[in-house]
């Protein structure tokens, strides 16, 4: 660890890499850098629309990407490392902010307070440990996302990976992604088909708070 981070390891980016450098074939659409997310505005800590991951998680995801390309698919990442300040923004939004403009798109069946009790938003996120990624699959023949039976960040029972109230094709698409991720060392989350965490995390107990920024990694 660099001397400057000794008193605050949460700001040390030395174990992280830009996903684009490790796996350039993976498409990125970093939703929390944009305004199209459940809050409706760019989230604190997202200074660039780029995915950062620990070196180990990036290598594992590159293996998934290579496997999927052989099958005619590309990975599309919506989020990877997420700073603690972003998680705090989610929590404050859920508790204090009365704005519900994105409710029809992301949580049409629930009240904001239920997003916490049902596990869709956590006060501490595995994303902040650097080895969690949110993603889907693209069909290389059409360039379109596979139909997963529900979009990324839809806070609903429909998003549970094992939900069977969708078509057989939609469920099969979820399983293509899940099996590839599990084969390469990731574990799924029970309430989000798009969410996976590396089983052997490099930092299982550290929640980082440096910004999502390629420039910060160069420090």
Foldseek 3Di string as FASTA:
>chain_A
DDPVCPVPVLLDCQQKDFLCVLAVQAAEDAPLCQLPAQLRHRFPQAPDRTEMAGPLLSNLVNQLQVVVVVVQKGKYFHYAADALRRLVVLVCCLPPNPDRPCCVQAPVPDRSVVCDVVPVRDNADPSQLGFKTFIFMARNVVRHTQQQQHDPRRQDQSQFLPDDPGDPRNNVRLVSVQVSSVVSAWDADRRHSRMIGGPPRPRPPHGHHHGNDPVSNVD
